[in-house]
PDB file of N, CA and C in Angstrom:
ATOM      1  N   UNK A   1      21.994   2.917  -5.064  1.00  0.00           N
ATOM      2  CA  UNK A   1      22.015   3.930  -4.056  1.00  0.00           C
ATOM      3  C   UNK A   1      21.145   3.409  -2.947  1.00  0.00           C
ATOM      4  N   UNK A   2      21.772   3.552  -1.694  1.00  0.00           N
ATOM      5  CA  UNK A   2      20.897   3.016  -0.503  1.00  0.00           C
ATOM      6  C   UNK A   2      19.944   4.050  -0.069  1.00  0.00           C
ATOM      7  N   UNK A   3      18.888   3.532   0.436  1.00  0.00           N
ATOM      8  CA  UNK A   3      17.882   4.484   1.029  1.00  0.00           C
ATOM      9  C   UNK A   3      18.108   4.645   2.403  1.00  0.00           C
ATOM     10  N   UNK A   4      18.142   6.075   2.841  1.00  0.00           N
ATOM     11  CA  UNK A   4      18.392   6.465   4.210  1.00  0.00           C
ATOM     12  C   UNK A   4      17.362   6.054   5.016  1.00  0.00           C
ATOM     13  N   UNK A   5      17.741   5.624   6.279  1.00  0.00           N
ATOM     14  CA  UNK A   5      16.858   5.129   7.266  1.00  0.00           C
ATOM     15  C   UNK A   5      16.508   6.178   8.328  1.00  0.00           C
ATOM     16  N   UNK A   6      15.254   6.117   8.780  1.00  0.00           N
ATOM     17  CA  UNK A   6      14.878   6.916   9.915  1.00  0.00           C
ATOM     18  C   UNK A   6      13.773   6.204  10.597  1.00  0.00           C
ATOM     19  N   UNK A   7      13.711   6.342  12.046  1.00  0.00           N
ATOM     20  CA  UNK A   7      12.558   5.727  12.802  1.00  0.00           C
ATOM     21  C   UNK A   7      12.254   6.830  13.831  1.00  0.00           C
ATOM     22  N   UNK A   8      10.958   6.752  14.177  1.00  0.00           N
ATOM     23  CA  UNK A   8      10.543   7.520  15.259  1.00  0.00           C
ATOM     24  C   UNK A   8       9.636   6.728  16.228  1.00  0.00           C
ATOM     25  N   UNK A   9       9.843   6.936  17.445  1.00  0.00           N
ATOM     26  CA  UNK A   9       9.215   6.164  18.528  1.00  0.00           C
ATOM     27  C   UNK A   9       8.739   7.082  19.656  1.00  0.00           C
ATOM     28  N   UNK A  10       7.424   6.978  19.984  1.00  0.00           N
ATOM     29  CA  UNK A  10       6.873   7.791  21.078  1.00  0.00           C
ATOM     30  C   UNK A  10       7.508   7.154  22.250  1.00  0.00           C
ATOM     31  N   UNK A  11       8.146   8.037  23.138  1.00  0.00           N
ATOM     32  CA  UNK A  11       8.896   7.764  24.217  1.00  0.00           C
ATOM     33  C   UNK A  11       8.474   8.196  25.527  1.00  0.00           C
ATOM     34  N   UNK A  12       7.261   8.868  25.547  1.00  0.00           N
ATOM     35  CA  UNK A  12       6.523   9.315  26.714  1.00  0.00           C
ATOM     36  C   UNK A  12       6.199  10.933  26.508  1.00  0.00           C
ATOM     37  N   UNK A  13       6.393  11.526  27.619  1.00  0.00           N
ATOM     38  CA  UNK A  13       6.032  12.852  27.664  1.00  0.00           C
ATOM     39  C   UNK A  13       5.292  13.067  29.060  1.00  0.00           C
ATOM     40  N   UNK A  14       4.208  14.021  28.935  1.00  0.00           N
ATOM     41  CA  UNK A  14       3.470  14.258  30.129  1.00  0.00           C
ATOM     42  C   UNK A  14       2.053  14.369  29.597  1.00  0.00           C
ATOM     43  N   UNK A  15       1.117  14.983  30.411  1.00  0.00           N
ATOM     44  CA  UNK A  15      -0.274  15.013  30.065  1.00  0.00           C
ATOM     45  C   UNK A  15      -0.441  15.987  28.859  1.00  0.00           C
ATOM     46  N   UNK A  16       0.536  16.926  28.736  1.00  0.00           N
ATOM     47  CA  UNK A  16       0.420  17.946  27.594  1.00  0.00           C
ATOM     48  C   UNK A  16       1.498  17.774  26.503  1.00  0.00           C
ATOM     49  N   UNK A  17       2.382  16.728  26.723  1.00  0.00           N
ATOM     50  CA  UNK A  17       3.500  16.742  25.915  1.00  0.00           C
ATOM     51  C   UNK A  17       3.593  15.287  25.176  1.00  0.00           C
ATOM     52  N   UNK A  18       3.974  15.240  23.920  1.00  0.00           N
ATOM     53  CA  UNK A  18       4.193  13.983  23.207  1.00  0.00           C
ATOM     54  C   UNK A  18       5.737  14.256  22.973  1.00  0.00           C
ATOM     55  N   UNK A  19       6.508  13.095  23.460  1.00  0.00           N
ATOM     56  CA  UNK A  19       7.906  13.158  23.258  1.00  0.00           C
ATOM     57  C   UNK A  19       8.101  11.961  22.263  1.00  0.00           C
ATOM     58  N   UNK A  20       8.994  12.226  21.115  1.00  0.00           N
ATOM     59  CA  UNK A  20       9.248  11.410  20.092  1.00  0.00           C
ATOM     60  C   UNK A  20      10.864  11.238  20.008  1.00  0.00           C
ATOM     61  N   UNK A  21      11.506  10.130  20.031  1.00  0.00           N
ATOM     62  CA  UNK A  21      12.780   9.741  19.764  1.00  0.00           C
ATOM     63  C   UNK A  21      12.945   9.536  18.226  1.00  0.00           C
ATOM     64  N   UNK A  22      13.869  10.348  17.653  1.00  0.00           N
ATOM     65  CA  UNK A  22      14.043  10.206  16.087  1.00  0.00           C
ATOM     66  C   UNK A  22      15.529   9.739  16.031  1.00  0.00           C
ATOM     67  N   UNK A  23      15.714   8.564  15.156  1.00  0.00           N
ATOM     68  CA  UNK A  23      16.815   8.066  14.923  1.00  0.00           C
ATOM     69  C   UNK A  23      17.232   7.846  13.499  1.00  0.00           C
ATOM     70  N   UNK A  24      18.330   8.026  13.060  1.00  0.00           N
ATOM     71  CA  UNK A  24      18.777   7.891  11.567  1.00  0.00           C
ATOM     72  C   UNK A  24      19.252   9.041  10.916  1.00  0.00           C
ATOM     73  N   UNK A  25      18.899   9.230   9.641  1.00  0.00           N
ATOM     74  CA  UNK A  25      19.272  10.506   8.829  1.00  0.00           C
ATOM     75  C   UNK A  25      18.087  11.242   8.440  1.00  0.00           C
ATOM     76  N   UNK A  26      18.065  12.442   8.801  1.00  0.00           N
ATOM     77  CA  UNK A  26      17.088  13.475   8.449  1.00  0.00           C
ATOM     78  C   UNK A  26      17.512  14.118   7.105  1.00  0.00           C
ATOM     79  N   UNK A  27      17.074  13.566   6.059  1.00  0.00           N
ATOM     80  CA  UNK A  27      17.508  14.251   4.778  1.00  0.00           C
ATOM     81  C   UNK A  27      16.384  14.270   3.715  1.00  0.00           C
ATOM     82  N   UNK A  28      16.688  14.518   2.430  1.00  0.00           N
ATOM     83  CA  UNK A  28      15.699  14.564   1.444  1.00  0.00           C
ATOM     84  C   UNK A  28      14.960  13.298   1.262  1.00  0.00           C
ATOM     85  N   UNK A  29      15.663  12.160   1.509  1.00  0.00           N
ATOM     86  CA  UNK A  29      15.082  10.878   1.428  1.00  0.00           C
ATOM     87  C   UNK A  29      14.006  10.529   2.488  1.00  0.00           C
ATOM     88  N   UNK A  30      14.021  11.282   3.681  1.00  0.00           N
ATOM     89  CA  UNK A  30      13.236  10.849   4.783  1.00  0.00           C
ATOM     90  C   UNK A  30      12.350  11.927   5.331  1.00  0.00           C
ATOM     91  N   UNK A  31      12.525  13.176   4.760  1.00  0.00           N
ATOM     92  CA  UNK A  31      11.644  14.213   5.341  1.00  0.00           C
ATOM     93  C   UNK A  31      10.147  14.069   5.177  1.00  0.00           C
ATOM     94  N   UNK A  32       9.843  13.529   4.070  1.00  0.00           N
ATOM     95  CA  UNK A  32       8.323  13.360   3.700  1.00  0.00           C
ATOM     96  C   UNK A  32       7.708  12.422   4.733  1.00  0.00           C
ATOM     97  N   UNK A  33       8.329  11.350   5.218  1.00  0.00           N
ATOM     98  CA  UNK A  33       7.849  10.471   6.069  1.00  0.00           C
ATOM     99  C   UNK A  33       7.902  11.027   7.570  1.00  0.00           C
ATOM    100  N   UNK A  34       8.930  11.832   7.869  1.00  0.00           N
ATOM    101  CA  UNK A  34       9.091  12.279   9.163  1.00  0.00           C
ATOM    102  C   UNK A  34       7.970  13.365   9.318  1.00  0.00           C
ATOM    103  N   UNK A  35       7.764  14.193   8.314  1.00  0.00           N
ATOM    104  CA  UNK A  35       6.668  15.230   8.440  1.00  0.00           C
ATOM    105  C   UNK A  35       5.396  14.550   8.727  1.00  0.00           C
ATOM    106  N   UNK A  36       5.108  13.583   7.932  1.00  0.00           N
ATOM    107  CA  UNK A  36       3.791  12.995   7.849  1.00  0.00           C
ATOM    108  C   UNK A  36       3.508  12.336   9.263  1.00  0.00           C
ATOM    109  N   UNK A  37       4.440  11.651   9.723  1.00  0.00           N
ATOM    110  CA  UNK A  37       4.349  10.882  11.047  1.00  0.00           C
ATOM    111  C   UNK A  37       4.242  11.888  12.169  1.00  0.00           C
ATOM    112  N   UNK A  38       5.070  12.907  12.225  1.00  0.00           N
ATOM    113  CA  UNK A  38       5.068  13.930  13.195  1.00  0.00           C
ATOM    114  C   UNK A  38       3.674  14.740  13.259  1.00  0.00           C
ATOM    115  N   UNK A  39       3.121  14.954  12.022  1.00  0.00           N
ATOM    116  CA  UNK A  39       1.736  15.642  11.981  1.00  0.00           C
ATOM    117  C   UNK A  39       0.826  14.852  12.810  1.00  0.00           C
ATOM    118  N   UNK A  40       0.859  13.495  12.562  1.00  0.00           N
ATOM    119  CA  UNK A  40      -0.082  12.749  13.213  1.00  0.00           C
ATOM    120  C   UNK A  40       0.099  12.631  14.828  1.00  0.00           C
ATOM    121  N   UNK A  41       1.554  12.584  15.178  1.00  0.00           N
ATOM    122  CA  UNK A  41       1.772  12.513  16.631  1.00  0.00           C
ATOM    123  C   UNK A  41       1.568  13.871  17.256  1.00  0.00           C
ATOM    124  N   UNK A  42       1.642  14.953  16.690  1.00  0.00           N
ATOM    125  CA  UNK A  42       1.442  16.206  17.240  1.00  0.00           C
ATOM    126  C   UNK A  42       0.058  16.366  17.629  1.00  0.00           C
ATOM    127  N   UNK A  43      -0.910  15.629  16.948  1.00  0.00           N
ATOM    128  CA  UNK A  43      -2.332  15.644  17.306  1.00  0.00           C
ATOM    129  C   UNK A  43      -2.683  15.235  18.660  1.00  0.00           C
ATOM    130  N   UNK A  44      -1.807  14.429  19.175  1.00  0.00           N
ATOM    131  CA  UNK A  44      -1.867  14.019  20.727  1.00  0.00           C
ATOM    132  C   UNK A  44      -1.451  14.939  21.608  1.00  0.00           C
ATOM    133  N   UNK A  45      -0.686  15.964  21.240  1.00  0.00           N
ATOM    134  CA  UNK A  45      -0.041  16.891  22.183  1.00  0.00           C
ATOM    135  C   UNK A  45      -1.066  18.126  22.269  1.00  0.00           C
ATOM    136  N   UNK A  46      -1.041  18.625  23.580  1.00  0.00           N
ATOM    137  CA  UNK A  46      -1.840  19.825  24.080  1.00  0.00           C
ATOM    138  C   UNK A  46      -0.907  20.922  24.109  1.00  0.00           C
ATOM    139  N   UNK A  47       0.315  20.793  24.377  1.00  0.00           N
ATOM    140  CA  UNK A  47       1.108  22.197  24.548  1.00  0.00           C
ATOM    141  C   UNK A  47       2.490  21.999  23.716  1.00  0.00           C
ATOM    142  N   UNK A  48       3.090  20.665  23.750  1.00  0.00           N
ATOM    143  CA  UNK A  48       4.408  20.604  23.285  1.00  0.00           C
ATOM    144  C   UNK A  48       4.682  19.243  22.617  1.00  0.00           C
ATOM    145  N   UNK A  49       5.425  19.410  21.416  1.00  0.00           N
ATOM    146  CA  UNK A  49       5.846  18.175  20.707  1.00  0.00           C
ATOM    147  C   UNK A  49       7.556  18.327  20.921  1.00  0.00           C
ATOM    148  N   UNK A  50       7.927  17.227  21.687  1.00  0.00           N
ATOM    149  CA  UNK A  50       9.334  17.229  21.918  1.00  0.00           C
ATOM    150  C   UNK A  50      10.078  16.229  21.069  1.00  0.00           C
ATOM    151  N   UNK A  51      11.038  16.537  20.368  1.00  0.00           N
ATOM    152  CA  UNK A  51      11.764  15.552  19.542  1.00  0.00           C
ATOM    153  C   UNK A  51      13.175  15.353  20.152  1.00  0.00           C
ATOM    154  N   UNK A  52      13.447  14.179  20.456  1.00  0.00           N
ATOM    155  CA  UNK A  52      14.780  13.774  20.958  1.00  0.00           C
ATOM    156  C   UNK A  52      15.625  13.301  19.769  1.00  0.00           C
ATOM    157  N   UNK A  53      16.618  14.039  19.573  1.00  0.00           N
ATOM    158  CA  UNK A  53      17.281  13.838  18.289  1.00  0.00           C
ATOM    159  C   UNK A  53      18.734  13.203  18.659  1.00  0.00           C
ATOM    160  N   UNK A  54      18.829  12.533  19.701  1.00  0.00           N
ATOM    161  CA  UNK A  54      20.085  11.836  20.142  1.00  0.00           C
ATOM    162  C   UNK A  54      20.484  10.843  19.117  1.00  0.00           C
ATOM    163  N   UNK A  55      19.522  10.360  18.488  1.00  0.00           N
ATOM    164  CA  UNK A  55      19.817   9.244  17.471  1.00  0.00           C
ATOM    165  C   UNK A  55      20.020   9.707  16.084  1.00  0.00           C
ATOM    166  N   UNK A  56      19.928  10.947  15.852  1.00  0.00           N
ATOM    167  CA  UNK A  56      20.013  11.481  14.514  1.00  0.00           C
ATOM    168  C   UNK A  56      21.480  11.790  14.171  1.00  0.00           C
ATOM    169  N   UNK A  57      21.971  10.989  13.118  1.00  0.00           N
ATOM    170  CA  UNK A  57      23.504  11.017  12.708  1.00  0.00           C
ATOM    171  C   UNK A  57      23.686  11.960  11.702  1.00  0.00           C
ATOM    172  N   UNK A  58      22.669  12.429  11.011  1.00  0.00           N
ATOM    173  CA  UNK A  58      22.835  13.391   9.770  1.00  0.00           C
ATOM    174  C   UNK A  58      21.641  14.098   9.626  1.00  0.00           C
ATOM    175  N   UNK A  59      21.937  15.395   9.323  1.00  0.00           N
ATOM    176  CA  UNK A  59      20.772  16.317   8.903  1.00  0.00           C
ATOM    177  C   UNK A  59      21.240  17.282   7.787  1.00  0.00           C
ATOM    178  N   UNK A  60      20.570  17.334   6.627  1.00  0.00           N
ATOM    179  CA  UNK A  60      20.885  18.132   5.638  1.00  0.00           C
ATOM    180  C   UNK A  60      19.885  19.356   5.575  1.00  0.00           C
ATOM    181  N   UNK A  61      20.109  20.220   4.608  1.00  0.00           N
ATOM    182  CA  UNK A  61      19.143  21.554   4.652  1.00  0.00           C
ATOM    183  C   UNK A  61      17.718  21.008   4.438  1.00  0.00           C
ATOM    184  N   UNK A  62      17.426  20.085   3.728  1.00  0.00           N
ATOM    185  CA  UNK A  62      16.029  19.635   3.645  1.00  0.00           C
ATOM    186  C   UNK A  62      15.479  19.136   5.046  1.00  0.00           C
ATOM    187  N   UNK A  63      16.387  18.548   5.663  1.00  0.00           N
ATOM    188  CA  UNK A  63      15.921  18.074   7.115  1.00  0.00           C
ATOM    189  C   UNK A  63      15.628  19.220   8.023  1.00  0.00           C
ATOM    190  N   UNK A  64      16.421  20.342   7.913  1.00  0.00           N
ATOM    191  CA  UNK A  64      16.350  21.571   8.537  1.00  0.00           C
ATOM    192  C   UNK A  64      15.020  22.242   8.226  1.00  0.00           C
ATOM    193  N   UNK A  65      14.757  22.313   6.816  1.00  0.00           N
ATOM    194  CA  UNK A  65      13.501  22.888   6.374  1.00  0.00           C
ATOM    195  C   UNK A  65      12.299  22.254   6.849  1.00  0.00           C
ATOM    196  N   UNK A  66      12.472  20.919   6.896  1.00  0.00           N
ATOM    197  CA  UNK A  66      11.303  20.025   7.462  1.00  0.00           C
ATOM    198  C   UNK A  66      11.136  20.423   8.833  1.00  0.00           C
ATOM    199  N   UNK A  67      12.090  20.498   9.707  1.00  0.00           N
ATOM    200  CA  UNK A  67      11.898  20.913  11.104  1.00  0.00           C
ATOM    201  C   UNK A  67      11.231  22.222  11.317  1.00  0.00           C
ATOM    202  N   UNK A  68      11.509  23.180  10.506  1.00  0.00           N
ATOM    203  CA  UNK A  68      10.909  24.435  10.496  1.00  0.00           C
ATOM    204  C   UNK A  68       9.508  24.414  10.048  1.00  0.00           C
ATOM    205  N   UNK A  69       9.199  23.526   9.095  1.00  0.00           N
ATOM    206  CA  UNK A  69       7.810  23.450   8.684  1.00  0.00           C
ATOM    207  C   UNK A  69       6.970  22.662   9.847  1.00  0.00           C
ATOM    208  N   UNK A  70       7.567  21.815  10.378  1.00  0.00           N
ATOM    209  CA  UNK A  70       6.967  21.168  11.645  1.00  0.00           C
ATOM    210  C   UNK A  70       6.628  22.247  12.832  1.00  0.00           C
ATOM    211  N   UNK A  71       7.731  23.101  12.969  1.00  0.00           N
ATOM    212  CA  UNK A  71       7.585  24.165  13.926  1.00  0.00           C
ATOM    213  C   UNK A  71       6.515  25.177  13.622  1.00  0.00           C
ATOM    214  N   UNK A  72       6.302  25.401  12.296  1.00  0.00           N
ATOM    215  CA  UNK A  72       5.282  26.343  11.886  1.00  0.00           C
ATOM    216  C   UNK A  72       3.971  25.733  12.061  1.00  0.00           C
ATOM    217  N   UNK A  73       3.778  24.448  11.781  1.00  0.00           N
ATOM    218  CA  UNK A  73       2.501  23.821  11.874  1.00  0.00           C
ATOM    219  C   UNK A  73       2.238  23.529  13.422  1.00  0.00           C
ATOM    220  N   UNK A  74       3.173  23.313  14.214  1.00  0.00           N
ATOM    221  CA  UNK A  74       2.882  23.281  15.667  1.00  0.00           C
ATOM    222  C   UNK A  74       2.389  24.749  16.220  1.00  0.00           C
ATOM    223  N   UNK A  75       3.117  25.742  15.815  1.00  0.00           N
ATOM    224  CA  UNK A  75       2.879  27.038  16.199  1.00  0.00           C
ATOM    225  C   UNK A  75       1.380  27.484  15.850  1.00  0.00           C
ATOM    226  N   UNK A  76       1.029  27.081  14.695  1.00  0.00           N
ATOM    227  CA  UNK A  76      -0.385  27.317  14.052  1.00  0.00           C
ATOM    228  C   UNK A  76      -1.435  26.636  15.010  1.00  0.00           C
ATOM    229  N   UNK A  77      -1.131  25.579  15.756  1.00  0.00           N
ATOM    230  CA  UNK A  77      -2.038  24.785  16.668  1.00  0.00           C
ATOM    231  C   UNK A  77      -1.730  25.300  17.977  1.00  0.00           C
ATOM    232  N   UNK A  78      -0.985  26.225  18.272  1.00  0.00           N
ATOM    233  CA  UNK A  78      -0.664  26.658  19.747  1.00  0.00           C
ATOM    234  C   UNK A  78       0.274  25.698  20.485  1.00  0.00           C
ATOM    235  N   UNK A  79       1.039  24.836  19.680  1.00  0.00           N
ATOM    236  CA  UNK A  79       2.064  23.886  20.341  1.00  0.00           C
ATOM    237  C   UNK A  79       3.423  24.513  20.207  1.00  0.00           C
ATOM    238  N   UNK A  80       4.237  24.109  21.116  1.00  0.00           N
ATOM    239  CA  UNK A  80       5.598  24.307  20.971  1.00  0.00           C
ATOM    240  C   UNK A  80       6.288  23.076  20.592  1.00  0.00           C
ATOM    241  N   UNK A  81       7.298  23.328  19.594  1.00  0.00           N
ATOM    242  CA  UNK A  81       8.177  22.314  19.158  1.00  0.00           C
ATOM    243  C   UNK A  81       9.561  22.560  19.864  1.00  0.00           C
ATOM    244  N   UNK A  82      10.177  21.465  20.431  1.00  0.00           N
ATOM    245  CA  UNK A  82      11.404  21.512  21.107  1.00  0.00           C
ATOM    246  C   UNK A  82      12.215  20.409  20.613  1.00  0.00           C
ATOM    247  N   UNK A  83      13.528  20.702  20.353  1.00  0.00           N
ATOM    248  CA  UNK A  83      14.588  19.651  19.974  1.00  0.00           C
ATOM    249  C   UNK A  83      15.546  19.552  21.116  1.00  0.00           C
ATOM    250  N   UNK A  84      15.697  18.144  21.391  1.00  0.00           N
ATOM    251  CA  UNK A  84      16.616  17.843  22.602  1.00  0.00           C
ATOM    252  C   UNK A  84      17.664  16.969  22.165  1.00  0.00           C
ATOM    253  N   UNK A  85      18.852  17.058  22.920  1.00  0.00           N
ATOM    254  CA  UNK A  85      19.864  16.134  22.578  1.00  0.00           C
ATOM    255  C   UNK A  85      20.425  16.129  21.209  1.00  0.00           C
ATOM    256  N   UNK A  86      20.399  17.346  20.552  1.00  0.00           N
ATOM    257  CA  UNK A  86      20.830  17.366  19.164  1.00  0.00           C
ATOM    258  C   UNK A  86      22.436  16.960  19.144  1.00  0.00           C
ATOM    259  N   UNK A  87      22.807  16.141  18.440  1.00  0.00           N
ATOM    260  CA  UNK A  87      24.086  15.688  18.232  1.00  0.00           C
ATOM    261  C   UNK A  87      25.070  16.633  17.477  1.00  0.00           C
ATOM    262  N   UNK A  88      26.412  16.449  17.527  1.00  0.00           N
ATOM    263  CA  UNK A  88      27.313  17.496  17.103  1.00  0.00           C
ATOM    264  C   UNK A  88      27.128  17.750  15.520  1.00  0.00           C
ATOM    265  N   UNK A  89      27.034  16.775  14.726  1.00  0.00           N
ATOM    266  CA  UNK A  89      26.890  16.975  13.266  1.00  0.00           C
ATOM    267  C   UNK A  89      25.646  17.669  12.812  1.00  0.00           C
ATOM    268  N   UNK A  90      24.396  17.067  13.365  1.00  0.00           N
ATOM    269  CA  UNK A  90      23.253  17.890  12.919  1.00  0.00           C
ATOM    270  C   UNK A  90      23.234  19.103  13.589  1.00  0.00           C
ATOM    271  N   UNK A  91      23.766  19.366  14.794  1.00  0.00           N
ATOM    272  CA  UNK A  91      23.811  20.481  15.488  1.00  0.00           C
ATOM    273  C   UNK A  91      24.550  21.629  14.760  1.00  0.00           C
ATOM    274  N   UNK A  92      25.550  21.278  14.018  1.00  0.00           N
ATOM    275  CA  UNK A  92      26.209  22.243  13.319  1.00  0.00           C
ATOM    276  C   UNK A  92      25.392  22.908  12.192  1.00  0.00           C
ATOM    277  N   UNK A  93      24.645  22.052  11.631  1.00  0.00           N
ATOM    278  CA  UNK A  93      23.816  22.496  10.549  1.00  0.00           C
ATOM    279  C   UNK A  93      22.569  23.402  11.135  1.00  0.00           C
ATOM    280  N   UNK A  94      22.091  22.814  12.245  1.00  0.00           N
ATOM    281  CA  UNK A  94      20.980  23.566  12.887  1.00  0.00           C
ATOM    282  C   UNK A  94      21.321  24.905  13.358  1.00  0.00           C
ATOM    283  N   UNK A  95      22.568  25.089  13.896  1.00  0.00           N
ATOM    284  CA  UNK A  95      23.045  26.257  14.420  1.00  0.00           C
ATOM    285  C   UNK A  95      23.484  27.194  13.117  1.00  0.00           C
ATOM    286  N   UNK A  96      24.065  26.592  12.126  1.00  0.00           N
ATOM    287  CA  UNK A  96      24.584  27.376  11.091  1.00  0.00           C
ATOM    288  C   UNK A  96      23.309  28.064  10.288  1.00  0.00           C
ATOM    289  N   UNK A  97      22.255  27.370  10.274  1.00  0.00           N
ATOM    290  CA  UNK A  97      21.068  28.045   9.493  1.00  0.00           C
ATOM    291  C   UNK A  97      20.047  28.645  10.491  1.00  0.00           C
ATOM    292  N   UNK A  98      20.480  28.839  11.812  1.00  0.00           N
ATOM    293  CA  UNK A  98      19.771  29.659  12.763  1.00  0.00           C
ATOM    294  C   UNK A  98      18.438  28.980  13.213  1.00  0.00           C
ATOM    295  N   UNK A  99      18.360  27.707  13.148  1.00  0.00           N
ATOM    296  CA  UNK A  99      17.034  27.144  13.592  1.00  0.00           C
ATOM    297  C   UNK A  99      16.998  27.338  15.155  1.00  0.00           C
ATOM    298  N   UNK A 100      18.117  27.215  15.824  1.00  0.00           N
ATOM    299  CA  UNK A 100      18.134  27.319  17.342  1.00  0.00           C
ATOM    300  C   UNK A 100      17.637  28.757  17.763  1.00  0.00           C
ATOM    301  N   UNK A 101      17.538  29.518  16.908  1.00  0.00           N
ATOM    302  CA  UNK A 101      17.004  30.838  17.377  1.00  0.00           C
ATOM    303  C   UNK A 101      15.414  30.912  17.100  1.00  0.00           C
ATOM    304  N   UNK A 102      14.899  29.941  16.373  1.00  0.00           N
ATOM    305  CA  UNK A 102      13.428  29.897  16.179  1.00  0.00           C
ATOM    306  C   UNK A 102      12.796  28.752  17.045  1.00  0.00           C
ATOM    307  N   UNK A 103      13.561  27.768  17.211  1.00  0.00           N
ATOM    308  CA  UNK A 103      13.015  26.485  17.890  1.00  0.00           C
ATOM    309  C   UNK A 103      13.925  26.283  19.081  1.00  0.00           C
ATOM    310  N   UNK A 104      13.142  26.037  20.248  1.00  0.00           N
ATOM    311  CA  UNK A 104      14.039  25.787  21.504  1.00  0.00           C
ATOM    312  C   UNK A 104      14.888  24.523  21.281  1.00  0.00           C
ATOM    313  N   UNK A 105      16.102  24.497  21.499  1.00  0.00           N
ATOM    314  CA  UNK A 105      17.036  23.353  21.275  1.00  0.00           C
ATOM    315  C   UNK A 105      17.998  23.158  22.563  1.00  0.00           C
ATOM    316  N   UNK A 106      18.339  21.891  22.755  1.00  0.00           N
ATOM    317  CA  UNK A 106      19.418  21.621  23.694  1.00  0.00           C
ATOM    318  C   UNK A 106      20.382  20.609  22.838  1.00  0.00           C
ATOM    319  N   UNK A 107      21.610  20.924  23.120  1.00  0.00           N
ATOM    320  CA  UNK A 107      22.552  20.157  22.354  1.00  0.00           C
ATOM    321  C   UNK A 107      23.423  19.083  23.313  1.00  0.00           C
ATOM    322  N   UNK A 108      23.762  18.000  22.765  1.00  0.00           N
ATOM    323  CA  UNK A 108      24.506  17.063  23.513  1.00  0.00           C
ATOM    324  C   UNK A 108      25.889  17.389  23.660  1.00  0.00           C
TER     325      UNK A 108
END
């Protein structure tokens, strides 16, 4: 069985925002790494953690659950989590499970 790949790169932001481009598959095999890295990156944000999901090709329910946990951790620190450029397939899961009602999202 092949291991799912995921990568995260800080792509900028502003004085209060950390923007991160996420690429690959957000699933049960990658969520632990994603949450750990995002927790560290969120430490540099003052107002917002923005995730650019244009490169995410797949997201299962564990990926959605992970995004909600990141959202809760951000909210507890007074930060806003935003999802940008969510692609069609991951977007279907995000919409079906109602994440777009809890987390600001923009869809590609």
